[in-house]
Amino acid sequence: MTAPSGFSYTQRGDGTIVIVHRGRAAATLRGARAATFLAEIAAGEEQHVMARWTGAYKFGNERHARRHPRNQGR
């Protein structure tokens, strides 16, 4: 599994956190959620934390799983 990349975040003056993935806003966090996010970022692994918070961590084998025989019976 490759490490996620392409994430960055900005903290606005009102405390809002905007997480950007590949140049597009992926998530906006406010209040307690923003504070929790900042605490997790301080602990390390910034790219992994941002990927998890945006839900963009499920990249990899979905394309292959779609073609698997057990997923063909609709």
Protein backbone atom coordinates (compact mmCIF):
# COMPACT_ATOMS: atom_id res chain seq x y z
CA MET A 1 0.00 0.00 0.00
CA THR A 2 1.36 3.41 -0.89
CA ALA A 3 1.28 6.33 1.48
CA PRO A 4 -1.37 8.95 0.71
CA SER A 5 -0.10 12.21 -0.72
CA GLY A 6 -1.40 15.46 -2.14
CA PHE A 7 -3.16 16.65 1.03
CA SER A 8 -2.78 20.02 2.69
CA TYR A 9 -4.86 22.01 5.12
CA THR A 10 -5.50 25.64 5.98
CA GLN A 11 -6.75 27.04 9.25
CA ARG A 12 -8.95 30.11 8.79
CA GLY A 13 -9.28 32.97 11.23
CA ASP A 14 -12.60 31.70 12.57
CA GLY A 15 -11.07 28.31 13.47
CA THR A 16 -12.41 26.48 10.43
CA ILE A 17 -10.07 23.90 8.89
CA VAL A 18 -10.21 23.29 5.14
CA ILE A 19 -8.52 20.11 3.93
CA VAL A 20 -7.46 20.22 0.28
CA HIS A 21 -6.65 17.18 -1.84
CA ARG A 22 -4.95 17.72 -5.19
CA GLY A 23 -6.07 21.34 -5.36
CA ARG A 24 -9.73 20.79 -4.44
CA ALA A 25 -11.45 21.27 -1.10
CA ALA A 26 -12.11 17.79 0.26
CA ALA A 27 -13.43 18.57 3.76
CA THR A 28 -14.31 21.48 6.00
CA LEU A 29 -14.09 21.01 9.76
CA ARG A 30 -15.48 23.35 12.40
CA GLY A 31 -15.65 23.48 16.18
CA ALA A 32 -14.81 20.34 18.14
CA ARG A 33 -14.07 18.35 14.99
CA ALA A 34 -11.46 20.93 13.94
CA ALA A 35 -9.84 20.78 17.39
CA THR A 36 -9.72 16.98 17.28
CA PHE A 37 -8.19 17.10 13.80
CA LEU A 38 -5.45 19.51 14.92
CA ALA A 39 -4.63 17.26 17.88
CA GLU A 40 -4.24 14.27 15.57
CA ILE A 41 -2.09 16.26 13.13
CA ALA A 42 0.21 17.27 16.00
CA ALA A 43 0.75 13.58 16.79
CA GLY A 44 2.26 13.00 13.32
CA GLU A 45 1.48 11.17 10.06
CA GLU A 46 -0.21 14.25 8.56
CA GLN A 47 -1.00 12.70 5.17
CA HIS A 48 -2.61 9.62 6.72
CA VAL A 49 -4.67 11.71 9.14
CA MET A 50 -5.96 13.98 6.38
CA ALA A 51 -6.75 11.00 4.14
CA ARG A 52 -8.77 9.40 6.94
CA TRP A 53 -10.66 12.60 7.77
CA THR A 54 -11.61 13.16 4.13
CA GLY A 55 -12.53 9.55 3.44
CA ALA A 56 -9.95 9.43 0.65
CA TYR A 57 -8.08 6.49 2.12
CA LYS A 58 -9.77 3.74 0.11
CA PHE A 59 -7.61 3.99 -2.97
CA GLY A 60 -5.87 0.98 -4.39
CA ASN A 61 -7.69 -2.18 -5.27
CA GLU A 62 -11.30 -1.07 -5.80
CA ARG A 63 -10.95 -1.27 -9.56
CA HIS A 64 -9.71 -4.85 -9.30
CA ALA A 65 -12.38 -5.83 -6.78
CA ARG A 66 -15.11 -4.64 -9.14
CA ARG A 67 -14.01 -7.23 -11.71
CA HIS A 68 -13.77 -10.10 -9.20
CA PRO A 69 -16.23 -12.96 -9.96
CA ARG A 70 -17.97 -12.77 -6.57
CA ASN A 71 -18.87 -9.12 -7.27
CA GLN A 72 -20.39 -9.82 -10.70
CA GLY A 73 -23.70 -11.37 -9.55
CA ARG A 74 -25.95 -8.36 -9.21
